[in-house]
Every structure is written in structure tokens, then in C-alpha cells.
Amino acid sequence: MELLNIWFHSNGAEADWLQVVRLGALSEKIALDFAKLPHFADSAWLAKLFTDGWRMDYRSPNVWKIYAACEHELKTS
């Protein structure tokens, strides 16, 4: 929940507590789905998803796959 609040604040977004709880639960579901994949246990592979400023590296095809999966979940839930 804290990361959601940080994201909302840094992006000028607003949400009521129910939306934040819903997004938190959805984030957990998606994260657990990804955690089952072998690459997500490899810290070197995971590090390649980020820039040196620890922001997602949107030049990476794998980041786009993760983004697409998250977008799909948001649209279908």
C-alpha cells in the first residue's frame, strides 16, 4: 500500500481508499503470478528490468510484457 501511495503522490494521481485497496490486492495477485516464473527468482535477470535509478527500463521487452500483463488485469478485473 505504501508503494501505491508513493506512486500516486509522485504522479499527481488521486484515489479513494477503496480504489487503493483494490489496486493493492490486484498488484499482489499479479506479483504472485509472476513469482511462479523461473526468471523472477534470478536477481541478475530482475536487475536488468531497471535503470540505474531503480526505475523500470521501458526499453526492455520484458518490462513491456510485464506492463501488458498488468494492463490486461486492470481491464479485465
Protein backbone atom coordinates (compact mmCIF):
# COMPACT_ATOMS: atom_id res chain seq x y z
CA MET A 1 0.00 0.00 0.00
CA GLU A 2 2.88 2.33 0.76
CA LEU A 3 4.29 1.97 -2.76
CA LEU A 4 0.89 2.75 -4.23
CA ASN A 5 0.71 5.90 -2.17
CA ILE A 6 4.22 6.89 -3.27
CA TRP A 7 3.28 6.28 -6.91
CA PHE A 8 0.06 8.28 -6.59
CA HIS A 9 1.88 11.16 -4.95
CA SER A 10 4.77 11.27 -7.43
CA ASN A 11 2.42 11.10 -10.43
CA GLY A 12 -0.18 13.57 -9.19
CA ALA A 13 -2.86 10.89 -9.10
CA GLU A 14 -5.63 10.55 -6.56
CA ALA A 15 -7.68 7.60 -5.39
CA ASP A 16 -10.06 6.92 -2.57
CA TRP A 17 -9.22 4.25 -0.01
CA LEU A 18 -11.38 1.62 -1.74
CA GLN A 19 -9.54 2.12 -5.05
CA VAL A 20 -6.20 1.90 -3.26
CA VAL A 21 -7.21 -1.36 -1.55
CA ARG A 22 -8.47 -2.79 -4.86
CA LEU A 23 -5.23 -1.87 -6.66
CA GLY A 24 -3.18 -3.29 -3.79
CA ALA A 25 -5.00 -6.62 -3.98
CA LEU A 26 -4.68 -6.70 -7.76
CA SER A 27 -0.96 -5.88 -7.51
CA GLU A 28 -0.46 -8.75 -5.09
CA LYS A 29 -2.29 -11.17 -7.40
CA ILE A 30 -0.19 -10.16 -10.40
CA ALA A 31 3.05 -10.30 -8.40
CA LEU A 32 2.24 -13.82 -7.17
CA ASP A 33 1.51 -14.93 -10.74
CA PHE A 34 4.89 -13.59 -11.89
CA ALA A 35 6.68 -15.07 -8.86
CA LYS A 36 5.92 -18.56 -10.24
CA LEU A 37 8.05 -17.91 -13.32
CA PRO A 38 11.70 -19.04 -13.19
CA HIS A 39 13.27 -15.69 -14.16
CA PHE A 40 11.68 -13.97 -11.19
CA ALA A 41 13.90 -15.97 -8.83
CA ASP A 42 17.02 -14.72 -10.64
CA SER A 43 18.25 -11.45 -9.13
CA ALA A 44 20.56 -10.71 -12.09
CA TRP A 45 17.64 -11.06 -14.55
CA LEU A 46 15.43 -8.89 -12.34
CA ALA A 47 18.08 -6.18 -12.09
CA LYS A 48 18.01 -5.84 -15.90
CA LEU A 49 14.40 -4.64 -15.67
CA PHE A 50 15.53 -1.40 -14.01
CA THR A 51 17.66 1.60 -14.91
CA ASP A 52 20.48 2.67 -12.61
CA GLY A 53 17.95 4.95 -10.88
CA TRP A 54 15.78 1.94 -10.00
CA ARG A 55 13.03 2.96 -12.38
CA MET A 56 11.58 0.43 -14.79
CA ASP A 57 13.59 0.31 -18.03
CA TYR A 58 10.91 0.65 -20.68
CA ARG A 59 13.47 -0.14 -23.40
CA SER A 60 13.36 -3.75 -22.17
CA PRO A 61 10.95 -6.11 -23.97
CA ASN A 62 10.46 -7.94 -20.67
CA VAL A 63 9.29 -4.75 -18.97
CA TRP A 64 6.74 -4.30 -21.77
CA LYS A 65 5.49 -7.87 -21.22
CA ILE A 66 5.01 -7.14 -17.52
CA TYR A 67 3.31 -3.84 -18.35
CA ALA A 68 0.97 -5.60 -20.82
CA ALA A 69 0.05 -8.23 -18.23
CA CYS A 70 -0.74 -5.55 -15.67
CA GLU A 71 -2.76 -3.56 -18.19
CA HIS A 72 -4.72 -6.69 -19.11
CA GLU A 73 -5.52 -7.42 -15.45
CA LEU A 74 -6.72 -3.85 -14.92
CA LYS A 75 -9.00 -4.06 -17.95
CA THR A 76 -10.47 -7.44 -17.08
CA SER A 77 -10.95 -7.03 -13.35
